[in-house]
Amino acid sequence: MPDIAMHLLDIVYNSIRANASLIRIYLYDSIKDDLIICRVEDNGKGMDEETVEKVQSPFFTTRTTRDVGLGIPLFKEGALQSNGTFHLSSELNIGTKIEATYQKSHLDCPAMGDIAETLVTLLQANENIEYEFEYKWDGDSFILNTVQIKELLEGVPINSPEIILWLKEYIKEGINVWNH
């Protein structure tokens, strides 16, 4: 996958397929610490220990439409190749937590990609899923909480086209993509 945003999209779609109703996404992007952290936590159906091990192999998938599952293995490989770490934990009927870290200055560290586009894509996928998104960088942070946004919308669907356009600009401005 070409960038972290695409990995994030793939990992969160796993959470959606696991029937998560709450998905927490945390990104830390620090020049000072020479570090990127990408973490996704969900309250989906979770996995047993055996499945946690198997999903890290490209030759395993729970899908019936193909014989390989590349999302998690590629996420893991990208982190490890850029002098980072990878951790996946899960409990049945509780949820899953997946985290990859990258050495930001490493030659193999992927670009961040279009985080705003990724988030609005996820918001459009299912309006019943709640998201808590936090993006931190040196000296600042941005938080997006769909529960709070839905309260402000007073019944207007969060995935309506005009709201999605507004959210995309709000996220871009919030994460200050041009200035950090």
Protein backbone atom coordinates (compact mmCIF):
# COMPACT_ATOMS: atom_id res chain seq x y z
CA MET A 1 0.00 0.00 0.00
CA PRO A 2 1.35 3.38 -0.93
CA ASP A 3 0.75 5.29 2.34
CA ILE A 4 -0.38 5.12 5.95
CA ALA A 5 -3.83 6.50 5.13
CA MET A 6 -4.50 3.51 2.84
CA HIS A 7 -3.30 1.08 5.54
CA LEU A 8 -5.59 2.84 7.99
CA LEU A 9 -8.55 2.51 5.64
CA ASP A 10 -7.93 -1.22 5.25
CA ILE A 11 -7.51 -1.83 8.99
CA VAL A 12 -10.66 0.13 9.88
CA TYR A 13 -12.64 -1.79 7.25
CA ASN A 14 -11.62 -4.92 9.18
CA SER A 15 -13.19 -3.32 12.27
CA ILE A 16 -16.35 -2.55 10.31
CA ARG A 17 -16.55 -6.17 9.10
CA ALA A 18 -16.12 -7.24 12.74
CA ASN A 19 -19.35 -5.36 13.56
CA ALA A 20 -17.66 -2.65 15.63
CA SER A 21 -19.92 0.16 16.76
CA LEU A 22 -17.04 2.27 18.16
CA ILE A 23 -13.70 2.68 16.44
CA ARG A 24 -10.86 4.73 17.94
CA ILE A 25 -8.12 5.93 15.61
CA TYR A 26 -4.95 7.50 16.95
CA LEU A 27 -2.17 8.99 14.81
CA TYR A 28 1.00 10.54 16.17
CA ASP A 29 3.30 12.23 13.66
CA SER A 30 6.43 13.71 15.24
CA ILE A 31 9.52 15.12 13.59
CA LYS A 32 10.99 15.79 17.05
CA ASP A 33 10.59 12.15 18.14
CA ASP A 34 11.27 10.81 14.62
CA LEU A 35 8.17 8.69 15.06
CA ILE A 36 4.79 7.89 13.56
CA ILE A 37 2.28 5.85 15.56
CA CYS A 38 -0.86 4.49 13.93
CA ARG A 39 -3.33 2.75 16.26
CA VAL A 40 -6.85 1.42 15.70
CA GLU A 41 -9.01 0.05 18.52
CA ASP A 42 -12.52 -1.33 18.10
CA ASN A 43 -15.29 -2.99 20.07
CA GLY A 44 -16.01 -5.56 17.35
CA LYS A 45 -16.35 -9.30 17.70
CA GLY A 46 -12.63 -9.78 18.35
CA MET A 47 -10.47 -12.82 17.64
CA ASP A 48 -9.08 -15.74 19.61
CA GLU A 49 -5.30 -16.10 20.07
CA GLU A 50 -4.96 -18.56 17.20
CA THR A 51 -6.70 -16.20 14.76
CA VAL A 52 -4.58 -13.24 15.96
CA GLU A 53 -1.50 -15.21 14.90
CA LYS A 54 -3.02 -16.40 11.62
CA VAL A 55 -4.19 -12.96 10.39
CA GLN A 56 -0.59 -11.79 10.41
CA SER A 57 0.14 -14.26 7.59
CA PRO A 58 -0.65 -13.23 3.99
CA PHE A 59 -1.93 -16.74 3.33
CA PHE A 60 -4.86 -16.46 5.74
CA THR A 61 -8.15 -14.60 5.36
CA THR A 62 -11.59 -14.80 6.86
CA ARG A 63 -13.11 -13.63 3.58
CA THR A 64 -14.75 -16.08 1.22
CA THR A 65 -14.02 -14.01 -1.90
CA ARG A 66 -10.24 -14.56 -1.94
CA ASP A 67 -7.58 -16.89 -0.57
CA VAL A 68 -5.15 -14.35 0.86
CA GLY A 69 -5.40 -11.49 3.34
CA LEU A 70 -2.78 -8.84 2.73
CA GLY A 71 -3.92 -5.85 4.83
CA ILE A 72 -2.54 -6.76 8.24
CA PRO A 73 0.62 -8.49 6.92
CA LEU A 74 1.47 -5.47 4.75
CA PHE A 75 0.77 -3.08 7.65
CA LYS A 76 3.12 -5.13 9.85
CA GLU A 77 5.81 -5.46 7.18
CA GLY A 78 5.77 -1.71 6.45
CA ALA A 79 6.26 -0.86 10.11
CA LEU A 80 9.04 -3.38 10.66
CA GLN A 81 10.85 -2.37 7.45
CA SER A 82 10.96 1.24 8.63
CA ASN A 83 12.63 0.38 11.94
CA GLY A 84 9.26 0.38 13.72
CA THR A 85 7.15 -2.01 15.72
CA PHE A 86 3.87 -3.85 15.32
CA HIS A 87 1.42 -5.12 17.91
CA LEU A 88 -1.96 -6.82 17.51
CA SER A 89 -4.14 -7.91 20.42
CA SER A 90 -7.74 -9.05 20.51
CA GLU A 91 -10.34 -10.64 22.75
CA LEU A 92 -13.43 -12.46 21.60
CA ASN A 93 -16.58 -10.34 22.08
CA ILE A 94 -14.48 -7.43 23.38
CA GLY A 95 -12.58 -6.04 20.38
CA THR A 96 -9.24 -5.63 18.71
CA LYS A 97 -6.30 -3.23 19.03
CA ILE A 98 -3.66 -2.92 16.32
CA GLU A 99 -0.69 -0.57 16.40
CA ALA A 100 2.19 0.10 14.04
CA THR A 101 5.04 2.49 14.64
CA TYR A 102 7.45 3.85 12.06
CA GLN A 103 10.76 5.67 12.24
CA LYS A 104 9.68 8.81 10.40
CA SER A 105 13.09 9.54 8.86
CA HIS A 106 13.63 5.96 7.67
CA LEU A 107 13.92 5.57 3.90
CA ASP A 108 11.15 2.94 3.87
CA CYS A 109 8.69 4.92 6.01
CA PRO A 110 5.53 5.43 3.96
CA ALA A 111 4.04 8.87 3.45
CA MET A 112 1.08 9.81 5.63
CA GLY A 113 -1.30 10.13 2.68
CA ASP A 114 -4.69 11.84 2.63
CA ILE A 115 -6.01 11.29 6.15
CA ALA A 116 -9.00 13.60 5.61
CA GLU A 117 -10.13 11.62 2.57
CA THR A 118 -9.70 8.36 4.46
CA LEU A 119 -11.81 9.58 7.38
CA VAL A 120 -14.67 10.88 5.26
CA THR A 121 -14.66 7.61 3.31
CA LEU A 122 -15.09 5.77 6.60
CA LEU A 123 -17.81 8.15 7.79
CA GLN A 124 -19.74 7.53 4.58
CA ALA A 125 -19.51 3.74 4.97
CA ASN A 126 -21.90 3.44 7.91
CA GLU A 127 -23.46 6.34 9.82
CA ASN A 128 -24.17 4.07 12.81
CA ILE A 129 -20.50 3.57 13.65
CA GLU A 130 -19.05 6.06 16.12
CA TYR A 131 -15.48 7.27 15.60
CA GLU A 132 -13.04 8.88 17.96
CA PHE A 133 -10.12 10.23 15.95
CA GLU A 134 -7.06 11.88 17.47
CA TYR A 135 -4.16 13.22 15.43
CA LYS A 136 -1.16 14.56 17.37
CA TRP A 137 1.99 16.16 16.12
CA ASP A 138 4.77 18.24 17.61
CA GLY A 139 3.07 20.86 19.73
CA ASP A 140 -0.55 20.37 18.71
CA SER A 141 -3.43 17.94 18.22
CA PHE A 142 -6.83 17.55 16.58
CA ILE A 143 -9.74 15.47 17.87
CA LEU A 144 -12.84 14.44 15.96
CA ASN A 145 -15.66 12.71 17.84
CA THR A 146 -18.69 11.68 15.80
CA VAL A 147 -20.98 11.52 18.85
CA GLN A 148 -20.36 15.22 19.45
CA ILE A 149 -20.73 16.11 15.78
CA LYS A 150 -24.01 14.20 15.50
CA GLU A 151 -25.36 16.14 18.50
CA LEU A 152 -24.51 19.41 16.74
CA LEU A 153 -26.18 18.19 13.53
CA GLU A 154 -29.49 17.68 15.36
CA GLY A 155 -30.70 14.79 13.24
CA VAL A 156 -29.05 15.65 9.91
CA PRO A 157 -27.25 12.46 8.79
CA ILE A 158 -23.49 12.71 9.23
CA ASN A 159 -23.00 11.00 5.86
CA SER A 160 -25.11 13.45 3.87
CA PRO A 161 -23.10 14.98 1.00
CA GLU A 162 -22.99 18.54 2.33
CA ILE A 163 -21.89 17.37 5.78
CA ILE A 164 -19.21 15.10 4.29
CA LEU A 165 -17.81 18.03 2.27
CA TRP A 166 -17.77 20.20 5.38
CA LEU A 167 -16.14 17.43 7.45
CA LYS A 168 -13.40 16.93 4.89
CA GLU A 169 -12.45 20.62 5.04
CA TYR A 170 -12.80 20.65 8.84
CA ILE A 171 -10.45 17.66 9.17
CA LYS A 172 -7.92 19.13 6.73
CA GLU A 173 -7.90 22.40 8.64
CA GLY A 174 -7.76 20.58 11.97
CA ILE A 175 -4.78 18.42 11.19
CA ASN A 176 -3.09 21.38 9.54
CA VAL A 177 -1.66 19.20 6.77
CA TRP A 178 0.23 22.06 5.19
CA ASN A 179 2.05 23.36 8.25
CA HIS A 180 3.56 20.44 10.12
